[in-house]
Amino acid sequence: MRISVVDVGSNTVRLVVSDADGGVPLPVHTAKWRLRLSEHVRPGNDIPEEDIERLVVAVTEASRTAARWGAAGPLAFATAVVRSAPNRLEVLRAVRSRTGVQLCTLPGELEAELTFLGARRWMGWRSGPLALLDIGGGSLEVAFGRGRLPDFMASLPLGAGRLTHEFLHGEDPPSREQVRALRRKVRHQLRDVAARIRWEGPRTAVATSRTFQQLGRLCGAAPGRHGPFVERQLRRADLRLAVERLSALSAAERARLPGISAPRAAQSLAGALVGHTAMKLTGLSAVTVCPWAIREGVLLRHIEDGPAWWAAVNRLDESPAAPEPLPLRIATVGH
């Protein structure tokens, strides 16, 4: 049996086709289409018609590619950039009517839950009580848990793309005051969540997302060509030095650094600031950069809980109000 997932993120549309026999999603094909929605859409603004058109084309190609690889209609979801747009429902209806793909948005807490599941399965039970950090383009997800799913998860509007638009515009490289203002914002938003993670006392901490992968490479982790089974650690002390280095460079200069891709160079500083501040406030001296994240979490939930689970997720979008995250949204289970 083959299952496919389409992930509409802030920068790209990603497709993963996986074999699901035996209960483990093993990838057989991946593809991506670069849209850079976060460069065209400011937080709280509508997604323009031309970007909706590009999204429709990308999802159509992803669906056709999945079919060529023998997978049924993809489990398709969009994260913060679509979720927070006032014309979210218009975007979803356009994709559904023109591609036949049931694109939905995931609430931030569900993103954290699914990402935690993917990380838990990758790390295994020996990792014990597990803390998770995931930096996206529009939001930061934090989770902690002792079991399969997290006991605690939070979604914060601290995505690297969002913060770059909000704080690091107009000057390249940014001024010291811009960087200080951004750090103050992150500290304020993270205060309560970080206190909870410190109180829980995780045995293991993981970081997921492309942002953390690139920061790990910048700080000396093995490149991606070495494969997913090479352990990659990101130390807080190294990330602090990376923040200083990135803040002194223009976006074009950052793109020449190890691990920093040109499309993400502008937001790399904001991502590094969020990552370092989150690690400092939560008391984490190092994190393991985990290759499994939200896409694998979606696949695992579908395999383990069946199609009815995904049908329930799709019904979340029937609410007329867009689930834009508040400054702090926390879900707690079992405490």
Protein backbone atom coordinates (compact mmCIF):
# COMPACT_ATOMS: atom_id res chain seq x y z
CA MET A 1 0.00 0.00 0.00
CA ARG A 2 1.28 3.45 -0.89
CA ILE A 3 0.18 6.69 0.75
CA SER A 4 1.10 10.22 -0.28
CA VAL A 5 1.21 13.48 1.63
CA VAL A 6 1.19 17.01 0.21
CA ASP A 7 2.45 19.71 2.56
CA VAL A 8 1.77 23.33 1.56
CA GLY A 9 4.26 25.36 3.58
CA SER A 10 5.41 28.95 3.61
CA ASN A 11 8.05 28.40 0.93
CA THR A 12 7.33 25.15 -0.89
CA VAL A 13 4.76 22.51 -1.71
CA ARG A 14 6.27 19.14 -0.81
CA LEU A 15 5.12 15.69 -1.84
CA VAL A 16 6.12 12.46 -0.12
CA VAL A 17 5.02 9.08 -1.46
CA SER A 18 5.62 6.25 1.02
CA ASP A 19 5.17 2.52 1.28
CA ALA A 20 3.05 1.84 4.35
CA ASP A 21 3.29 -1.94 4.61
CA GLY A 22 4.30 -3.00 8.10
CA GLY A 23 3.10 0.23 9.67
CA VAL A 24 6.24 2.25 8.86
CA PRO A 25 6.09 5.03 6.22
CA LEU A 26 9.13 4.36 4.03
CA PRO A 27 9.58 7.04 1.33
CA VAL A 28 9.81 5.92 -2.29
CA HIS A 29 9.56 9.34 -3.95
CA THR A 30 9.72 12.99 -2.92
CA ALA A 31 9.23 16.18 -4.91
CA LYS A 32 8.81 19.87 -4.23
CA TRP A 33 7.52 22.97 -5.97
CA ARG A 34 8.85 26.31 -4.77
CA LEU A 35 6.12 28.95 -4.31
CA ARG A 36 7.67 31.29 -1.71
CA LEU A 37 4.25 32.33 -0.46
CA SER A 38 5.79 33.93 2.61
CA GLU A 39 7.63 36.41 0.36
CA HIS A 40 4.39 37.53 -1.29
CA VAL A 41 1.92 37.35 1.60
CA ARG A 42 2.25 39.51 4.70
CA PRO A 43 0.82 38.05 7.96
CA GLY A 44 -2.88 38.81 8.16
CA ASN A 45 -3.25 39.63 4.45
CA ASP A 46 -5.12 37.77 1.74
CA ILE A 47 -3.27 35.37 -0.51
CA PRO A 48 -3.27 37.08 -3.94
CA GLU A 49 -5.06 35.52 -6.89
CA GLU A 50 -1.82 34.89 -8.78
CA ASP A 51 -0.44 32.92 -5.82
CA ILE A 52 -3.66 30.91 -5.56
CA GLU A 53 -3.19 30.04 -9.23
CA ARG A 54 0.40 28.93 -8.63
CA LEU A 55 -0.73 26.86 -5.67
CA VAL A 56 -3.40 25.16 -7.78
CA VAL A 57 -0.80 24.27 -10.42
CA ALA A 58 1.59 22.87 -7.81
CA VAL A 59 -1.06 20.74 -6.09
CA THR A 60 -2.24 19.45 -9.48
CA GLU A 61 1.31 18.37 -10.33
CA ALA A 62 1.78 16.80 -6.90
CA SER A 63 -1.45 14.81 -7.25
CA ARG A 64 -0.49 13.57 -10.72
CA THR A 65 2.97 12.62 -9.50
CA ALA A 66 1.53 10.67 -6.57
CA ALA A 67 -0.78 8.79 -8.94
CA ARG A 68 2.15 7.88 -11.20
CA TRP A 69 3.85 6.34 -8.18
CA GLY A 70 0.80 4.25 -7.35
CA ALA A 71 -0.56 6.25 -4.41
CA ALA A 72 -4.19 7.22 -3.87
CA GLY A 73 -5.33 10.82 -3.57
CA PRO A 74 -2.88 12.63 -1.27
CA LEU A 75 -3.44 13.66 2.32
CA ALA A 76 -3.02 17.37 1.66
CA PHE A 77 -2.65 20.06 4.28
CA ALA A 78 -1.51 23.67 4.55
CA THR A 79 0.20 25.27 7.52
CA ALA A 80 0.37 28.81 8.89
CA VAL A 81 0.68 30.86 5.69
CA VAL A 82 -2.73 29.64 4.44
CA ARG A 83 -4.24 29.08 7.87
CA SER A 84 -3.83 32.73 8.87
CA ALA A 85 -4.99 34.25 5.58
CA PRO A 86 -8.41 35.98 5.74
CA ASN A 87 -9.32 34.36 2.39
CA ARG A 88 -8.34 30.89 3.65
CA LEU A 89 -11.65 29.29 2.70
CA GLU A 90 -11.49 30.78 -0.79
CA VAL A 91 -8.04 29.26 -1.25
CA LEU A 92 -9.14 25.84 -0.03
CA ARG A 93 -12.24 25.84 -2.24
CA ALA A 94 -10.22 26.85 -5.29
CA VAL A 95 -7.77 24.00 -4.76
CA ARG A 96 -10.50 21.46 -4.09
CA SER A 97 -12.71 22.45 -7.03
CA ARG A 98 -9.89 22.71 -9.58
CA THR A 99 -7.65 19.81 -8.52
CA GLY A 100 -9.95 17.34 -6.77
CA VAL A 101 -7.56 17.34 -3.81
CA GLN A 102 -9.11 17.94 -0.39
CA LEU A 103 -6.64 20.49 0.92
CA CYS A 104 -7.20 21.42 4.56
CA THR A 105 -5.48 23.58 7.16
CA LEU A 106 -4.12 22.23 10.44
CA PRO A 107 -4.51 24.14 13.71
CA GLY A 108 -1.16 24.95 15.27
CA GLU A 109 -1.69 22.56 18.19
CA LEU A 110 -2.42 19.71 15.78
CA GLU A 111 0.77 20.56 13.87
CA ALA A 112 2.68 20.22 17.15
CA GLU A 113 0.97 16.93 17.97
CA LEU A 114 1.69 15.37 14.58
CA THR A 115 5.27 16.61 14.51
CA PHE A 116 5.81 15.17 17.99
CA LEU A 117 4.47 11.80 16.83
CA GLY A 118 6.90 11.75 13.90
CA ALA A 119 9.81 12.67 16.16
CA ARG A 120 8.80 10.14 18.83
CA ARG A 121 8.68 7.31 16.30
CA TRP A 122 12.09 8.29 14.90
CA MET A 123 13.76 8.70 18.29
CA GLY A 124 12.15 5.65 19.91
CA TRP A 125 11.01 4.99 23.44
CA ARG A 126 14.53 5.03 24.87
CA SER A 127 14.52 8.81 24.40
CA GLY A 128 12.17 9.03 27.39
CA PRO A 129 10.33 12.28 28.20
CA LEU A 130 10.71 14.23 24.97
CA ALA A 131 10.67 17.97 24.20
CA LEU A 132 10.12 19.22 20.65
CA LEU A 133 10.86 22.53 18.89
CA ASP A 134 9.72 23.16 15.31
CA ILE A 135 10.23 26.50 13.52
CA GLY A 136 8.09 27.05 10.45
CA GLY A 137 7.61 30.09 8.28
CA GLY A 138 4.59 31.34 10.20
CA SER A 139 4.67 29.69 13.61
CA LEU A 140 6.75 27.94 16.24
CA GLU A 141 5.43 24.67 17.62
CA VAL A 142 6.56 23.38 21.03
CA ALA A 143 5.55 20.06 22.57
CA PHE A 144 6.43 17.74 25.42
CA GLY A 145 5.35 14.20 26.16
CA ARG A 146 6.15 10.87 27.70
CA GLY A 147 4.11 8.72 25.35
CA ARG A 148 3.08 8.38 21.72
CA LEU A 149 1.38 11.79 21.63
CA PRO A 150 2.34 14.91 23.60
CA ASP A 151 1.01 15.77 27.02
CA PHE A 152 1.49 19.45 26.27
CA MET A 153 1.70 21.41 23.01
CA ALA A 154 1.72 25.07 22.06
CA SER A 155 1.62 27.07 18.85
CA LEU A 156 3.13 30.55 18.82
CA PRO A 157 3.25 33.18 16.03
CA LEU A 158 7.06 33.04 15.96
CA GLY A 159 7.75 31.67 12.49
CA ALA A 160 10.98 32.73 10.79
CA GLY A 161 9.21 34.27 7.79
CA ARG A 162 6.61 36.09 9.87
CA LEU A 163 9.23 37.64 12.18
CA THR A 164 11.47 38.63 9.27
CA HIS A 165 8.58 40.60 7.75
CA GLU A 166 7.70 42.13 11.11
CA PHE A 167 11.13 43.07 12.47
CA LEU A 168 13.99 42.65 9.98
CA HIS A 169 12.84 44.71 7.01
CA GLY A 170 14.34 47.85 5.50
CA GLU A 171 17.98 47.26 6.41
CA ASP A 172 20.24 44.49 5.14
CA PRO A 173 21.98 43.53 7.34
CA PRO A 174 19.54 44.60 10.05
CA SER A 175 20.39 47.11 12.74
CA ARG A 176 21.22 46.11 16.29
CA GLU A 177 17.97 47.69 17.46
CA GLN A 178 15.96 45.56 15.04
CA VAL A 179 17.67 42.41 16.32
CA ARG A 180 17.13 43.43 19.96
CA ALA A 181 13.45 44.15 19.31
CA LEU A 182 13.00 40.76 17.71
CA ARG A 183 14.68 38.98 20.62
CA ARG A 184 12.46 40.84 23.11
CA LYS A 185 9.38 39.73 21.21
CA VAL A 186 10.50 36.09 21.20
CA ARG A 187 11.36 36.14 24.90
CA HIS A 188 7.98 37.62 25.81
CA GLN A 189 6.02 35.14 23.71
CA LEU A 190 7.99 32.11 24.92
CA ARG A 191 8.10 32.89 28.64
CA ASP A 192 5.21 30.71 29.83
CA VAL A 193 5.80 27.85 27.41
CA ALA A 194 9.50 27.72 28.30
CA ALA A 195 8.67 27.60 32.01
CA ARG A 196 6.47 24.58 31.38
CA ILE A 197 9.22 22.74 29.48
CA ARG A 198 11.72 23.46 32.26
CA TRP A 199 9.25 22.19 34.83
CA GLU A 200 8.70 18.95 32.88
CA GLY A 201 12.44 18.25 32.71
CA PRO A 202 12.74 16.40 29.37
CA ARG A 203 15.35 13.68 29.03
CA THR A 204 15.73 14.26 25.29
CA ALA A 205 15.12 17.32 23.10
CA VAL A 206 14.62 17.31 19.34
CA ALA A 207 14.34 20.02 16.72
CA THR A 208 12.59 19.50 13.41
CA SER A 209 11.92 21.60 10.29
CA ARG A 210 14.04 22.80 7.43
CA THR A 211 15.08 25.84 9.47
CA PHE A 212 16.72 23.70 12.15
CA GLN A 213 18.28 21.42 9.55
CA GLN A 214 20.00 24.37 7.91
CA LEU A 215 21.08 25.84 11.24
CA GLY A 216 22.47 22.47 12.24
CA ARG A 217 24.52 22.31 9.05
CA LEU A 218 25.74 25.89 9.62
CA CYS A 219 26.89 24.87 13.11
CA GLY A 220 28.83 21.84 11.89
CA ALA A 221 26.34 18.98 11.52
CA ALA A 222 26.82 16.49 8.69
CA PRO A 223 25.35 17.52 5.31
CA GLY A 224 22.14 15.95 4.07
CA ARG A 225 23.92 13.78 1.50
CA HIS A 226 25.23 11.64 4.38
CA GLY A 227 21.70 10.34 4.88
CA PRO A 228 19.09 10.49 7.65
CA PHE A 229 20.72 7.97 9.99
CA VAL A 230 23.72 10.17 10.83
CA GLU A 231 23.13 11.74 14.24
CA ARG A 232 23.03 15.52 14.04
CA GLN A 233 23.33 17.64 17.15
CA LEU A 234 22.83 21.38 17.47
CA ARG A 235 24.43 22.96 20.55
CA ARG A 236 23.07 26.17 22.01
CA ALA A 237 26.55 27.67 22.33
CA ASP A 238 27.18 27.11 18.62
CA LEU A 239 23.80 28.59 17.73
CA ARG A 240 24.59 31.71 19.76
CA LEU A 241 27.72 32.24 17.66
CA ALA A 242 25.67 31.61 14.52
CA VAL A 243 23.24 34.38 15.52
CA GLU A 244 26.12 36.82 15.84
CA ARG A 245 27.53 35.73 12.50
CA LEU A 246 24.22 35.93 10.64
CA SER A 247 23.28 39.32 12.11
CA ALA A 248 26.45 40.86 10.65
CA LEU A 249 25.78 39.63 7.11
CA SER A 250 23.40 40.59 4.34
CA ALA A 251 20.96 38.01 2.99
CA ALA A 252 23.16 37.53 -0.09
CA GLU A 253 26.20 36.88 2.11
CA ARG A 254 24.31 34.43 4.31
CA ALA A 255 23.35 32.41 1.23
CA ARG A 256 27.03 31.59 0.74
CA LEU A 257 27.34 29.97 4.18
CA PRO A 258 27.23 26.18 4.66
CA GLY A 259 23.66 24.92 4.86
CA ILE A 260 21.91 28.25 4.22
CA SER A 261 19.94 28.11 0.98
CA ALA A 262 19.33 31.28 -1.02
CA PRO A 263 15.51 31.14 -0.67
CA ARG A 264 15.79 30.95 3.13
CA ALA A 265 18.78 33.26 3.61
CA ALA A 266 16.67 36.34 4.45
CA GLN A 267 14.81 34.54 7.23
CA SER A 268 17.77 32.54 8.55
CA LEU A 269 18.62 35.16 11.17
CA ALA A 270 15.09 35.21 12.59
CA GLY A 271 15.08 31.40 12.66
CA ALA A 272 18.40 31.33 14.50
CA LEU A 273 17.20 33.92 17.02
CA VAL A 274 14.02 31.96 17.73
CA GLY A 275 15.93 28.69 18.02
CA HIS A 276 18.60 30.07 20.34
CA THR A 277 16.13 31.95 22.54
CA ALA A 278 13.86 28.91 22.79
CA MET A 279 16.77 26.67 23.80
CA LYS A 280 18.04 29.21 26.34
CA LEU A 281 14.67 29.82 28.01
CA THR A 282 13.82 26.11 28.14
CA GLY A 283 17.24 25.24 29.53
CA LEU A 284 18.21 22.99 26.61
CA SER A 285 21.96 22.95 25.99
CA ALA A 286 21.61 20.81 22.84
CA VAL A 287 18.95 19.32 20.58
CA THR A 288 18.98 16.42 18.14
CA VAL A 289 18.00 17.50 14.64
CA CYS A 290 15.33 14.95 13.71
CA PRO A 291 14.55 14.11 10.06
CA TRP A 292 10.97 12.99 10.77
CA ALA A 293 8.41 15.71 11.40
CA ILE A 294 4.87 16.67 10.45
CA ARG A 295 4.60 14.79 7.14
CA GLU A 296 5.66 11.56 8.79
CA GLY A 297 3.28 12.31 11.66
CA VAL A 298 0.36 12.62 9.23
CA LEU A 299 1.32 9.32 7.58
CA LEU A 300 1.65 7.56 10.93
CA ARG A 301 -1.71 8.78 12.21
CA HIS A 302 -3.35 7.66 8.96
CA ILE A 303 -1.72 4.24 9.19
CA GLU A 304 -2.43 3.74 12.88
CA ASP A 305 -5.83 5.42 13.27
CA GLY A 306 -7.35 4.90 9.83
CA PRO A 307 -9.02 7.13 7.23
CA ALA A 308 -11.72 8.33 9.63
CA TRP A 309 -9.10 10.37 11.48
CA TRP A 310 -8.18 12.31 8.35
CA ALA A 311 -11.85 12.85 7.48
CA ALA A 312 -12.32 14.46 10.91
CA VAL A 313 -9.32 16.74 10.28
CA ASN A 314 -10.86 17.91 7.00
CA ARG A 315 -14.07 18.86 8.79
CA LEU A 316 -12.18 21.38 10.93
CA ASP A 317 -12.22 23.77 7.97
CA GLU A 318 -16.01 23.89 7.90
CA SER A 319 -15.87 26.62 10.56
CA PRO A 320 -16.31 30.04 8.89
CA ALA A 321 -13.65 31.64 11.08
CA ALA A 322 -10.00 31.14 10.19
CA PRO A 323 -8.07 29.55 13.06
CA GLU A 324 -5.46 32.29 13.34
CA PRO A 325 -3.26 31.58 16.38
CA LEU A 326 -3.46 33.90 19.34
CA PRO A 327 -0.20 35.11 20.88
CA LEU A 328 -0.29 31.98 23.06
CA ARG A 329 -2.35 28.87 22.51
CA ILE A 330 -1.64 25.89 24.74
CA ALA A 331 -3.23 22.48 24.85
CA THR A 332 -2.55 20.16 27.76
CA VAL A 333 -3.42 16.49 27.97
CA GLY A 334 -3.33 14.35 31.07
CA HIS A 335 -2.03 16.96 33.55
